[in-house]
Amino acid sequence: TRVDIGVAKPLSLFVETYGTEQGALSAEDITNVIKIAFDCRPGAIAMSLALREPKYQETAAYCHFGREAVTKDGKKFFEWESAKDLSKYKSMTSAQVTAELKDSNYLTKWVD
């Protein structure tokens, strides 16, 4: 993901599967699923990962990744470990993913 400040569409998204895509979905379809399912704007990423909550002492110790996502005293820790369920897209065709992307304007104004 790359962010450019001061341009009409400040975010671009590139997905490289190295040929590992399976089923009917192409790399472009997978990119479209990401556009539908995730808000990749910097502020939205900060909100979804709860980065504005001061909790860095605990998250800095013993590695940032591979830890259990937990909530303590109302603060979310390791929220990036909570996987989003995208299994509904697995059985879709390319045309269905494209139609869902057109129905969703969630990121189309933000991602090329």
PDB file of N, CA and C in Angstrom:
ATOM      1  N   THR A   1       0.851  -1.173   0.000  1.00  0.00           N
ATOM      2  CA  THR A   1       0.000   0.000   0.000  1.00  0.00           C
ATOM      3  C   THR A   1       0.893   1.229   0.000  1.00  0.00           C
ATOM      4  N   ARG A   2       0.558   2.224  -0.793  1.00  0.00           N
ATOM      5  CA  ARG A   2       1.321   3.465  -0.868  1.00  0.00           C
ATOM      6  C   ARG A   2       0.372   4.625  -0.673  1.00  0.00           C
ATOM      7  N   VAL A   3       0.808   5.636   0.060  1.00  0.00           N
ATOM      8  CA  VAL A   3      -0.008   6.815   0.314  1.00  0.00           C
ATOM      9  C   VAL A   3       0.670   8.022  -0.318  1.00  0.00           C
ATOM     10  N   ASP A   4      -0.070   8.781  -1.122  1.00  0.00           N
ATOM     11  CA  ASP A   4       0.411  10.031  -1.702  1.00  0.00           C
ATOM     12  C   ASP A   4      -0.489  11.151  -1.211  1.00  0.00           C
ATOM     13  N   ILE A   5       0.079  12.128  -0.550  1.00  0.00           N
ATOM     14  CA  ILE A   5      -0.683  13.244  -0.002  1.00  0.00           C
ATOM     15  C   ILE A   5      -0.890  14.293  -1.092  1.00  0.00           C
ATOM     16  N   GLY A   6      -2.091  14.866  -1.148  1.00  0.00           N
ATOM     17  CA  GLY A   6      -2.370  15.959  -2.064  1.00  0.00           C
ATOM     18  C   GLY A   6      -2.782  15.540  -3.462  1.00  0.00           C
ATOM     19  N   VAL A   7      -3.161  14.287  -3.645  1.00  0.00           N
ATOM     20  CA  VAL A   7      -3.651  13.837  -4.942  1.00  0.00           C
ATOM     21  C   VAL A   7      -5.092  13.371  -4.794  1.00  0.00           C
ATOM     22  N   ALA A   8      -5.828  13.342  -5.906  1.00  0.00           N
ATOM     23  CA  ALA A   8      -7.257  13.027  -5.855  1.00  0.00           C
ATOM     24  C   ALA A   8      -7.527  11.640  -5.281  1.00  0.00           C
ATOM     25  N   LYS A   9      -6.738  10.672  -5.677  1.00  0.00           N
ATOM     26  CA  LYS A   9      -6.876   9.314  -5.134  1.00  0.00           C
ATOM     27  C   LYS A   9      -5.573   8.994  -4.403  1.00  0.00           C
ATOM     28  N   PRO A  10      -5.513   9.275  -3.102  1.00  0.00           N
ATOM     29  CA  PRO A  10      -4.245   9.230  -2.388  1.00  0.00           C
ATOM     30  C   PRO A  10      -3.702   7.834  -2.104  1.00  0.00           C
ATOM     31  N   LEU A  11      -4.451   6.805  -2.396  1.00  0.00           N
ATOM     32  CA  LEU A  11      -4.014   5.464  -2.043  1.00  0.00           C
ATOM     33  C   LEU A  11      -4.027   4.557  -3.260  1.00  0.00           C
ATOM     34  N   SER A  12      -3.001   3.779  -3.433  1.00  0.00           N
ATOM     35  CA  SER A  12      -3.010   2.772  -4.489  1.00  0.00           C
ATOM     36  C   SER A  12      -2.727   1.427  -3.842  1.00  0.00           C
ATOM     37  N   LEU A  13      -3.176   0.380  -4.494  1.00  0.00           N
ATOM     38  CA  LEU A  13      -3.071  -0.953  -3.923  1.00  0.00           C
ATOM     39  C   LEU A  13      -2.562  -1.901  -4.992  1.00  0.00           C
ATOM     40  N   PHE A  14      -1.554  -2.678  -4.653  1.00  0.00           N
ATOM     41  CA  PHE A  14      -1.007  -3.671  -5.571  1.00  0.00           C
ATOM     42  C   PHE A  14      -0.927  -4.995  -4.836  1.00  0.00           C
ATOM     43  N   VAL A  15      -1.460  -6.036  -5.432  1.00  0.00           N
ATOM     44  CA  VAL A  15      -1.433  -7.369  -4.833  1.00  0.00           C
ATOM     45  C   VAL A  15      -0.640  -8.288  -5.744  1.00  0.00           C
ATOM     46  N   GLU A  16       0.354  -8.962  -5.192  1.00  0.00           N
ATOM     47  CA  GLU A  16       1.136  -9.953  -5.938  1.00  0.00           C
ATOM     48  C   GLU A  16       0.931 -11.302  -5.273  1.00  0.00           C
ATOM     49  N   THR A  17       0.341 -12.230  -5.983  1.00  0.00           N
ATOM     50  CA  THR A  17       0.058 -13.557  -5.421  1.00  0.00           C
ATOM     51  C   THR A  17       1.140 -14.571  -5.764  1.00  0.00           C
ATOM     52  N   TYR A  18       2.069 -14.188  -6.630  1.00  0.00           N
ATOM     53  CA  TYR A  18       3.115 -15.100  -7.094  1.00  0.00           C
ATOM     54  C   TYR A  18       2.515 -16.402  -7.606  1.00  0.00           C
ATOM     55  N   GLY A  19       1.355 -16.293  -8.261  1.00  0.00           N
ATOM     56  CA  GLY A  19       0.719 -17.450  -8.872  1.00  0.00           C
ATOM     57  C   GLY A  19      -0.006 -18.375  -7.912  1.00  0.00           C
ATOM     58  N   THR A  20      -0.232 -17.940  -6.689  1.00  0.00           N
ATOM     59  CA  THR A  20      -0.867 -18.823  -5.700  1.00  0.00           C
ATOM     60  C   THR A  20      -2.378 -18.686  -5.651  1.00  0.00           C
ATOM     61  N   GLU A  21      -2.959 -17.817  -6.497  1.00  0.00           N
ATOM     62  CA  GLU A  21      -4.417 -17.689  -6.485  1.00  0.00           C
ATOM     63  C   GLU A  21      -5.042 -19.016  -6.893  1.00  0.00           C
ATOM     64  N   GLN A  22      -6.185 -19.318  -6.284  1.00  0.00           N
ATOM     65  CA  GLN A  22      -6.839 -20.605  -6.525  1.00  0.00           C
ATOM     66  C   GLN A  22      -8.277 -20.378  -6.945  1.00  0.00           C
ATOM     67  N   GLY A  23      -8.856 -21.365  -7.607  1.00  0.00           N
ATOM     68  CA  GLY A  23     -10.248 -21.272  -8.013  1.00  0.00           C
ATOM     69  C   GLY A  23     -10.428 -20.300  -9.161  1.00  0.00           C
ATOM     70  N   ALA A  24     -11.592 -19.688  -9.199  1.00  0.00           N
ATOM     71  CA  ALA A  24     -11.962 -18.818 -10.315  1.00  0.00           C
ATOM     72  C   ALA A  24     -11.438 -17.393 -10.164  1.00  0.00           C
ATOM     73  N   LEU A  25     -10.865 -17.052  -9.022  1.00  0.00           N
ATOM     74  CA  LEU A  25     -10.459 -15.670  -8.781  1.00  0.00           C
ATOM     75  C   LEU A  25      -9.028 -15.413  -9.242  1.00  0.00           C
ATOM     76  N   SER A  26      -8.868 -14.338  -9.995  1.00  0.00           N
ATOM     77  CA  SER A  26      -7.547 -13.912 -10.464  1.00  0.00           C
ATOM     78  C   SER A  26      -6.929 -12.974  -9.431  1.00  0.00           C
ATOM     79  N   ALA A  27      -5.686 -12.578  -9.667  1.00  0.00           N
ATOM     80  CA  ALA A  27      -5.030 -11.612  -8.778  1.00  0.00           C
ATOM     81  C   ALA A  27      -5.804 -10.296  -8.754  1.00  0.00           C
ATOM     82  N   GLU A  28      -6.365  -9.895  -9.887  1.00  0.00           N
ATOM     83  CA  GLU A  28      -7.173  -8.667  -9.938  1.00  0.00           C
ATOM     84  C   GLU A  28      -8.436  -8.815  -9.087  1.00  0.00           C
ATOM     85  N   ASP A  29      -9.059  -9.992  -9.126  1.00  0.00           N
ATOM     86  CA  ASP A  29     -10.241 -10.240  -8.296  1.00  0.00           C
ATOM     87  C   ASP A  29      -9.886 -10.163  -6.812  1.00  0.00           C
ATOM     88  N   ILE A  30      -8.734 -10.716  -6.456  1.00  0.00           N
ATOM     89  CA  ILE A  30      -8.290 -10.673  -5.058  1.00  0.00           C
ATOM     90  C   ILE A  30      -8.055  -9.230  -4.633  1.00  0.00           C
ATOM     91  N   THR A  31      -7.480  -8.425  -5.524  1.00  0.00           N
ATOM     92  CA  THR A  31      -7.316  -6.997  -5.245  1.00  0.00           C
ATOM     93  C   THR A  31      -8.672  -6.343  -5.003  1.00  0.00           C
ATOM     94  N   ASN A  32      -9.663  -6.692  -5.807  1.00  0.00           N
ATOM     95  CA  ASN A  32     -11.006  -6.127  -5.634  1.00  0.00           C
ATOM     96  C   ASN A  32     -11.637  -6.554  -4.313  1.00  0.00           C
ATOM     97  N   VAL A  33     -11.410  -7.791  -3.896  1.00  0.00           N
ATOM     98  CA  VAL A  33     -11.917  -8.250  -2.594  1.00  0.00           C
ATOM     99  C   VAL A  33     -11.307  -7.413  -1.477  1.00  0.00           C
ATOM    100  N   ILE A  34     -10.020  -7.128  -1.577  1.00  0.00           N
ATOM    101  CA  ILE A  34      -9.362  -6.291  -0.566  1.00  0.00           C
ATOM    102  C   ILE A  34      -9.964  -4.892  -0.562  1.00  0.00           C
ATOM    103  N   LYS A  35     -10.250  -4.348  -1.739  1.00  0.00           N
ATOM    104  CA  LYS A  35     -10.876  -3.026  -1.824  1.00  0.00           C
ATOM    105  C   LYS A  35     -12.243  -3.011  -1.154  1.00  0.00           C
ATOM    106  N   ILE A  36     -12.990  -4.114  -1.278  1.00  0.00           N
ATOM    107  CA  ILE A  36     -14.319  -4.205  -0.674  1.00  0.00           C
ATOM    108  C   ILE A  36     -14.212  -4.402   0.835  1.00  0.00           C
ATOM    109  N   ALA A  37     -13.336  -5.301   1.267  1.00  0.00           N
ATOM    110  CA  ALA A  37     -13.326  -5.770   2.657  1.00  0.00           C
ATOM    111  C   ALA A  37     -12.511  -4.910   3.619  1.00  0.00           C
ATOM    112  N   PHE A  38     -11.558  -4.133   3.112  1.00  0.00           N
ATOM    113  CA  PHE A  38     -10.673  -3.385   3.998  1.00  0.00           C
ATOM    114  C   PHE A  38     -10.672  -1.905   3.642  1.00  0.00           C
ATOM    115  N   ASP A  39     -10.664  -1.067   4.644  1.00  0.00           N
ATOM    116  CA  ASP A  39     -10.511   0.374   4.456  1.00  0.00           C
ATOM    117  C   ASP A  39      -9.040   0.687   4.694  1.00  0.00           C
ATOM    118  N   CYS A  40      -8.303   0.923   3.629  1.00  0.00           N
ATOM    119  CA  CYS A  40      -6.853   1.082   3.713  1.00  0.00           C
ATOM    120  C   CYS A  40      -6.390   2.528   3.855  1.00  0.00           C
ATOM    121  N   ARG A  41      -7.319   3.442   4.102  1.00  0.00           N
ATOM    122  CA  ARG A  41      -6.892   4.821   4.339  1.00  0.00           C
ATOM    123  C   ARG A  41      -6.122   4.872   5.658  1.00  0.00           C
ATOM    124  N   PRO A  42      -5.079   5.698   5.756  1.00  0.00           N
ATOM    125  CA  PRO A  42      -4.258   5.724   6.967  1.00  0.00           C
ATOM    126  C   PRO A  42      -5.056   5.913   8.260  1.00  0.00           C
ATOM    127  N   GLY A  43      -5.992   6.838   8.280  1.00  0.00           N
ATOM    128  CA  GLY A  43      -6.795   7.053   9.487  1.00  0.00           C
ATOM    129  C   GLY A  43      -7.663   5.864   9.827  1.00  0.00           C
ATOM    130  N   ALA A  44      -8.199   5.210   8.803  1.00  0.00           N
ATOM    131  CA  ALA A  44      -9.040   4.030   9.025  1.00  0.00           C
ATOM    132  C   ALA A  44      -8.215   2.862   9.551  1.00  0.00           C
ATOM    133  N   ILE A  45      -6.990   2.710   9.063  1.00  0.00           N
ATOM    134  CA  ILE A  45      -6.109   1.662   9.574  1.00  0.00           C
ATOM    135  C   ILE A  45      -5.809   1.921  11.044  1.00  0.00           C
ATOM    136  N   ALA A  46      -5.493   3.163  11.380  1.00  0.00           N
ATOM    137  CA  ALA A  46      -5.215   3.509  12.777  1.00  0.00           C
ATOM    138  C   ALA A  46      -6.413   3.211  13.667  1.00  0.00           C
ATOM    139  N   MET A  47      -7.624   3.499  13.174  1.00  0.00           N
ATOM    140  CA  MET A  47      -8.828   3.215  13.968  1.00  0.00           C
ATOM    141  C   MET A  47      -9.057   1.717  14.114  1.00  0.00           C
ATOM    142  N   SER A  48      -8.941   0.960  13.024  1.00  0.00           N
ATOM    143  CA  SER A  48      -9.235  -0.475  13.097  1.00  0.00           C
ATOM    144  C   SER A  48      -8.230  -1.230  13.952  1.00  0.00           C
ATOM    145  N   LEU A  49      -7.006  -0.753  14.018  1.00  0.00           N
ATOM    146  CA  LEU A  49      -5.995  -1.395  14.855  1.00  0.00           C
ATOM    147  C   LEU A  49      -5.900  -0.763  16.236  1.00  0.00           C
ATOM    148  N   ALA A  50      -6.758   0.222  16.502  1.00  0.00           N
ATOM    149  CA  ALA A  50      -6.789   0.919  17.796  1.00  0.00           C
ATOM    150  C   ALA A  50      -5.408   1.467  18.152  1.00  0.00           C
ATOM    151  N   LEU A  51      -4.760   2.128  17.184  1.00  0.00           N
ATOM    152  CA  LEU A  51      -3.400   2.625  17.388  1.00  0.00           C
ATOM    153  C   LEU A  51      -3.328   3.888  18.243  1.00  0.00           C
ATOM    154  N   ARG A  52      -4.453   4.537  18.473  1.00  0.00           N
ATOM    155  CA  ARG A  52      -4.452   5.756  19.287  1.00  0.00           C
ATOM    156  C   ARG A  52      -4.566   5.460  20.781  1.00  0.00           C
ATOM    157  N   GLU A  53      -4.740   4.208  21.128  1.00  0.00           N
ATOM    158  CA  GLU A  53      -4.817   3.836  22.541  1.00  0.00           C
ATOM    159  C   GLU A  53      -3.397   3.579  23.052  1.00  0.00           C
ATOM    160  N   PRO A  54      -2.952   4.319  24.064  1.00  0.00           N
ATOM    161  CA  PRO A  54      -1.582   4.136  24.559  1.00  0.00           C
ATOM    162  C   PRO A  54      -1.421   2.776  25.248  1.00  0.00           C
ATOM    163  N   LYS A  55      -0.674   1.902  24.602  1.00  0.00           N
ATOM    164  CA  LYS A  55      -0.487   0.550  25.129  1.00  0.00           C
ATOM    165  C   LYS A  55       0.821  -0.049  24.626  1.00  0.00           C
ATOM    166  N   TYR A  56       1.752   0.786  24.316  1.00  0.00           N
ATOM    167  CA  TYR A  56       2.934   0.338  23.601  1.00  0.00           C
ATOM    168  C   TYR A  56       3.912  -0.453  24.457  1.00  0.00           C
ATOM    169  N   GLN A  57       3.886  -0.279  25.754  1.00  0.00           N
ATOM    170  CA  GLN A  57       4.782  -1.048  26.620  1.00  0.00           C
ATOM    171  C   GLN A  57       4.541  -2.547  26.437  1.00  0.00           C
ATOM    172  N   GLU A  58       3.285  -2.952  26.470  1.00  0.00           N
ATOM    173  CA  GLU A  58       2.961  -4.374  26.337  1.00  0.00           C
ATOM    174  C   GLU A  58       3.153  -4.887  24.913  1.00  0.00           C
ATOM    175  N   THR A  59       2.822  -4.079  23.933  1.00  0.00           N
ATOM    176  CA  THR A  59       2.934  -4.564  22.554  1.00  0.00           C
ATOM    177  C   THR A  59       4.378  -4.552  22.053  1.00  0.00           C
ATOM    178  N   ALA A  60       5.263  -3.817  22.710  1.00  0.00           N
ATOM    179  CA  ALA A  60       6.657  -3.753  22.281  1.00  0.00           C
ATOM    180  C   ALA A  60       7.467  -4.954  22.764  1.00  0.00           C
ATOM    181  N   ALA A  61       6.997  -5.636  23.789  1.00  0.00           N
ATOM    182  CA  ALA A  61       7.750  -6.755  24.362  1.00  0.00           C
ATOM    183  C   ALA A  61       7.397  -8.071  23.671  1.00  0.00           C
ATOM    184  N   TYR A  62       8.392  -8.894  23.433  1.00  0.00           N
ATOM    185  CA  TYR A  62       8.208 -10.255  22.918  1.00  0.00           C
ATOM    186  C   TYR A  62       7.584 -10.307  21.530  1.00  0.00           C
ATOM    187  N   CYS A  63       7.903  -9.377  20.697  1.00  0.00           N
ATOM    188  CA  CYS A  63       7.475  -9.366  19.290  1.00  0.00           C
ATOM    189  C   CYS A  63       6.051  -8.834  19.123  1.00  0.00           C
ATOM    190  N   HIS A  64       5.808  -8.185  17.999  1.00  0.00           N
ATOM    191  CA  HIS A  64       4.499  -7.595  17.704  1.00  0.00           C
ATOM    192  C   HIS A  64       3.527  -8.592  17.104  1.00  0.00           C
ATOM    193  N   PHE A  65       4.020  -9.648  16.490  1.00  0.00           N
ATOM    194  CA  PHE A  65       3.156 -10.543  15.718  1.00  0.00           C
ATOM    195  C   PHE A  65       3.136 -11.944  16.317  1.00  0.00           C
ATOM    196  N   GLY A  66       2.054 -12.656  16.028  1.00  0.00           N
ATOM    197  CA  GLY A  66       1.921 -14.013  16.523  1.00  0.00           C
ATOM    198  C   GLY A  66       1.405 -14.081  17.946  1.00  0.00           C
ATOM    199  N   ARG A  67       0.817 -12.998  18.410  1.00  0.00           N
ATOM    200  CA  ARG A  67       0.289 -12.945  19.772  1.00  0.00           C
ATOM    201  C   ARG A  67      -1.229 -12.993  19.716  1.00  0.00           C
ATOM    202  N   GLU A  68      -1.849 -13.347  20.799  1.00  0.00           N
ATOM    203  CA  GLU A  68      -3.307 -13.447  20.889  1.00  0.00           C
ATOM    204  C   GLU A  68      -3.923 -12.048  20.970  1.00  0.00           C
ATOM    205  N   ALA A  69      -4.931 -11.776  20.141  1.00  0.00           N
ATOM    206  CA  ALA A  69      -5.662 -10.506  20.221  1.00  0.00           C
ATOM    207  C   ALA A  69      -6.532 -10.539  21.475  1.00  0.00           C
ATOM    208  N   VAL A  70      -6.355  -9.554  22.356  1.00  0.00           N
ATOM    209  CA  VAL A  70      -7.098  -9.511  23.619  1.00  0.00           C
ATOM    210  C   VAL A  70      -7.572  -8.088  23.900  1.00  0.00           C
ATOM    211  N   THR A  71      -8.548  -7.973  24.787  1.00  0.00           N
ATOM    212  CA  THR A  71      -9.000  -6.675  25.280  1.00  0.00           C
ATOM    213  C   THR A  71      -8.825  -6.673  26.791  1.00  0.00           C
ATOM    214  N   LYS A  72      -8.090  -5.675  27.294  1.00  0.00           N
ATOM    215  CA  LYS A  72      -7.851  -5.531  28.734  1.00  0.00           C
ATOM    216  C   LYS A  72      -8.234  -4.123  29.144  1.00  0.00           C
ATOM    217  N   ASP A  73      -9.055  -4.018  30.143  1.00  0.00           N
ATOM    218  CA  ASP A  73      -9.500  -2.708  30.648  1.00  0.00           C
ATOM    219  C   ASP A  73     -10.042  -1.829  29.525  1.00  0.00           C
ATOM    220  N   GLY A  74     -10.741  -2.440  28.575  1.00  0.00           N
ATOM    221  CA  GLY A  74     -11.354  -1.700  27.479  1.00  0.00           C
ATOM    222  C   GLY A  74     -10.416  -1.342  26.338  1.00  0.00           C
ATOM    223  N   LYS A  75      -9.139  -1.712  26.422  1.00  0.00           N
ATOM    224  CA  LYS A  75      -8.167  -1.424  25.366  1.00  0.00           C
ATOM    225  C   LYS A  75      -7.884  -2.693  24.577  1.00  0.00           C
ATOM    226  N   LYS A  76      -7.823  -2.539  23.257  1.00  0.00           N
ATOM    227  CA  LYS A  76      -7.542  -3.678  22.384  1.00  0.00           C
ATOM    228  C   LYS A  76      -6.035  -3.818  22.191  1.00  0.00           C
ATOM    229  N   PHE A  77      -5.541  -5.019  22.398  1.00  0.00           N
ATOM    230  CA  PHE A  77      -4.133  -5.330  22.188  1.00  0.00           C
ATOM    231  C   PHE A  77      -4.011  -6.332  21.047  1.00  0.00           C
ATOM    232  N   PHE A  78      -3.047  -6.114  20.164  1.00  0.00           N
ATOM    233  CA  PHE A  78      -2.750  -7.025  19.061  1.00  0.00           C
ATOM    234  C   PHE A  78      -3.958  -7.237  18.159  1.00  0.00           C
ATOM    235  N   GLU A  79      -4.686  -6.180  17.897  1.00  0.00           N
ATOM    236  CA  GLU A  79      -5.890  -6.250  17.070  1.00  0.00           C
ATOM    237  C   GLU A  79      -5.570  -6.728  15.652  1.00  0.00           C
ATOM    238  N   TRP A  80      -4.348  -6.508  15.201  1.00  0.00           N
ATOM    239  CA  TRP A  80      -3.944  -6.941  13.862  1.00  0.00           C
ATOM    240  C   TRP A  80      -3.912  -8.459  13.737  1.00  0.00           C
ATOM    241  N   GLU A  81      -3.991  -9.179  14.854  1.00  0.00           N
ATOM    242  CA  GLU A  81      -4.023 -10.645  14.816  1.00  0.00           C
ATOM    243  C   GLU A  81      -5.440 -11.187  14.594  1.00  0.00           C
ATOM    244  N   SER A  82      -6.446 -10.324  14.640  1.00  0.00           N
ATOM    245  CA  SER A  82      -7.832 -10.756  14.416  1.00  0.00           C
ATOM    246  C   SER A  82      -8.078 -10.841  12.911  1.00  0.00           C
ATOM    247  N   ALA A  83      -8.169 -12.047  12.407  1.00  0.00           N
ATOM    248  CA  ALA A  83      -8.361 -12.248  10.963  1.00  0.00           C
ATOM    249  C   ALA A  83      -9.800 -11.945  10.566  1.00  0.00           C
ATOM    250  N   LYS A  84      -9.954 -11.363   9.403  1.00  0.00           N
ATOM    251  CA  LYS A  84     -11.276 -11.069   8.857  1.00  0.00           C
ATOM    252  C   LYS A  84     -11.724 -12.257   8.005  1.00  0.00           C
ATOM    253  N   ASP A  85     -12.969 -12.667   8.166  1.00  0.00           N
ATOM    254  CA  ASP A  85     -13.494 -13.810   7.420  1.00  0.00           C
ATOM    255  C   ASP A  85     -13.885 -13.374   6.006  1.00  0.00           C
ATOM    256  N   LEU A  86     -13.138 -13.832   5.038  1.00  0.00           N
ATOM    257  CA  LEU A  86     -13.394 -13.510   3.633  1.00  0.00           C
ATOM    258  C   LEU A  86     -13.825 -14.751   2.852  1.00  0.00           C
ATOM    259  N   SER A  87     -14.253 -15.788   3.548  1.00  0.00           N
ATOM    260  CA  SER A  87     -14.563 -17.066   2.900  1.00  0.00           C
ATOM    261  C   SER A  87     -15.706 -16.972   1.891  1.00  0.00           C
ATOM    262  N   LYS A  88     -16.585 -15.986   2.036  1.00  0.00           N
ATOM    263  CA  LYS A  88     -17.702 -15.878   1.089  1.00  0.00           C
ATOM    264  C   LYS A  88     -17.216 -15.587  -0.329  1.00  0.00           C
ATOM    265  N   TYR A  89     -16.048 -14.988  -0.458  1.00  0.00           N
ATOM    266  CA  TYR A  89     -15.518 -14.653  -1.781  1.00  0.00           C
ATOM    267  C   TYR A  89     -14.911 -15.862  -2.490  1.00  0.00           C
ATOM    268  N   LYS A  90     -14.566 -16.879  -1.731  1.00  0.00           N
ATOM    269  CA  LYS A  90     -13.898 -18.056  -2.292  1.00  0.00           C
ATOM    270  C   LYS A  90     -14.731 -18.738  -3.378  1.00  0.00           C
ATOM    271  N   SER A  91     -16.038 -18.768  -3.192  1.00  0.00           N
ATOM    272  CA  SER A  91     -16.904 -19.457  -4.150  1.00  0.00           C
ATOM    273  C   SER A  91     -17.455 -18.529  -5.236  1.00  0.00           C
ATOM    274  N   MET A  92     -17.073 -17.260  -5.205  1.00  0.00           N
ATOM    275  CA  MET A  92     -17.577 -16.307  -6.196  1.00  0.00           C
ATOM    276  C   MET A  92     -16.809 -16.409  -7.505  1.00  0.00           C
ATOM    277  N   THR A  93     -17.481 -16.013  -8.560  1.00  0.00           N
ATOM    278  CA  THR A  93     -16.816 -15.895  -9.858  1.00  0.00           C
ATOM    279  C   THR A  93     -16.228 -14.493  -9.970  1.00  0.00           C
ATOM    280  N   SER A  94     -15.418 -14.303 -10.977  1.00  0.00           N
ATOM    281  CA  SER A  94     -14.838 -12.989 -11.231  1.00  0.00           C
ATOM    282  C   SER A  94     -15.928 -11.943 -11.448  1.00  0.00           C
ATOM    283  N   ALA A  95     -16.964 -12.309 -12.185  1.00  0.00           N
ATOM    284  CA  ALA A  95     -18.072 -11.380 -12.456  1.00  0.00           C
ATOM    285  C   ALA A  95     -18.807 -11.007 -11.172  1.00  0.00           C
ATOM    286  N   GLN A  96     -18.964 -11.949 -10.254  1.00  0.00           N
ATOM    287  CA  GLN A  96     -19.647 -11.661  -8.991  1.00  0.00           C
ATOM    288  C   GLN A  96     -18.824 -10.709  -8.124  1.00  0.00           C
ATOM    289  N   VAL A  97     -17.509 -10.912  -8.092  1.00  0.00           N
ATOM    290  CA  VAL A  97     -16.641 -10.005  -7.327  1.00  0.00           C
ATOM    291  C   VAL A  97     -16.698  -8.608  -7.926  1.00  0.00           C
ATOM    292  N   THR A  98     -16.634  -8.516  -9.243  1.00  0.00           N
ATOM    293  CA  THR A  98     -16.710  -7.219  -9.918  1.00  0.00           C
ATOM    294  C   THR A  98     -18.039  -6.534  -9.630  1.00  0.00           C
ATOM    295  N   ALA A  99     -19.132  -7.287  -9.651  1.00  0.00           N
ATOM    296  CA  ALA A  99     -20.452  -6.718  -9.351  1.00  0.00           C
ATOM    297  C   ALA A  99     -20.520  -6.226  -7.913  1.00  0.00           C
ATOM    298  N   GLU A 100     -19.948  -6.982  -6.990  1.00  0.00           N
ATOM    299  CA  GLU A 100     -19.959  -6.555  -5.590  1.00  0.00           C
ATOM    300  C   GLU A 100     -19.113  -5.304  -5.393  1.00  0.00           C
ATOM    301  N   LEU A 101     -18.001  -5.218  -6.105  1.00  0.00           N
ATOM    302  CA  LEU A 101     -17.165  -4.018  -6.032  1.00  0.00           C
ATOM    303  C   LEU A 101     -17.931  -2.805  -6.547  1.00  0.00           C
ATOM    304  N   LYS A 102     -18.670  -2.975  -7.639  1.00  0.00           N
ATOM    305  CA  LYS A 102     -19.457  -1.865  -8.190  1.00  0.00           C
ATOM    306  C   LYS A 102     -20.562  -1.440  -7.233  1.00  0.00           C
ATOM    307  N   ASP A 103     -21.150  -2.401  -6.520  1.00  0.00           N
ATOM    308  CA  ASP A 103     -22.199  -2.083  -5.545  1.00  0.00           C
ATOM    309  C   ASP A 103     -21.638  -1.378  -4.316  1.00  0.00           C
ATOM    310  N   SER A 104     -20.359  -1.584  -4.048  1.00  0.00           N
ATOM    311  CA  SER A 104     -19.719  -1.002  -2.875  1.00  0.00           C
ATOM    312  C   SER A 104     -18.877   0.191  -3.295  1.00  0.00           C
ATOM    313  N   ASN A 105     -19.087   1.328  -2.663  1.00  0.00           N
ATOM    314  CA  ASN A 105     -18.218   2.475  -2.941  1.00  0.00           C
ATOM    315  C   ASN A 105     -17.257   2.688  -1.779  1.00  0.00           C
ATOM    316  N   TYR A 106     -17.086   1.657  -0.987  1.00  0.00           N
ATOM    317  CA  TYR A 106     -16.286   1.740   0.232  1.00  0.00           C
ATOM    318  C   TYR A 106     -14.885   2.272  -0.023  1.00  0.00           C
ATOM    319  N   LEU A 107     -14.202   1.733  -1.011  1.00  0.00           N
ATOM    320  CA  LEU A 107     -12.845   2.195  -1.287  1.00  0.00           C
ATOM    321  C   LEU A 107     -12.625   2.677  -2.712  1.00  0.00           C
ATOM    322  N   THR A 108     -13.609   2.578  -3.557  1.00  0.00           N
ATOM    323  CA  THR A 108     -13.370   2.923  -4.957  1.00  0.00           C
ATOM    324  C   THR A 108     -12.926   4.364  -5.143  1.00  0.00           C
ATOM    325  N   LYS A 109     -13.319   5.249  -4.238  1.00  0.00           N
ATOM    326  CA  LYS A 109     -12.859   6.635  -4.371  1.00  0.00           C
ATOM    327  C   LYS A 109     -11.466   6.827  -3.778  1.00  0.00           C
ATOM    328  N   TRP A 110     -10.956   5.814  -3.072  1.00  0.00           N
ATOM    329  CA  TRP A 110      -9.649   5.945  -2.430  1.00  0.00           C
ATOM    330  C   TRP A 110      -8.563   5.124  -3.094  1.00  0.00           C
ATOM    331  N   VAL A 111      -8.925   4.047  -3.774  1.00  0.00           N
ATOM    332  CA  VAL A 111      -7.925   3.137  -4.324  1.00  0.00           C
ATOM    333  C   VAL A 111      -8.042   3.077  -5.835  1.00  0.00           C
ATOM    334  N   ASP A 112      -6.926   3.194  -6.527  1.00  0.00           N
ATOM    335  CA  ASP A 112      -6.909   3.057  -7.992  1.00  0.00           C
ATOM    336  C   ASP A 112      -7.029   1.603  -8.368  1.00  0.00           C
TER     337      ASP A 112
END
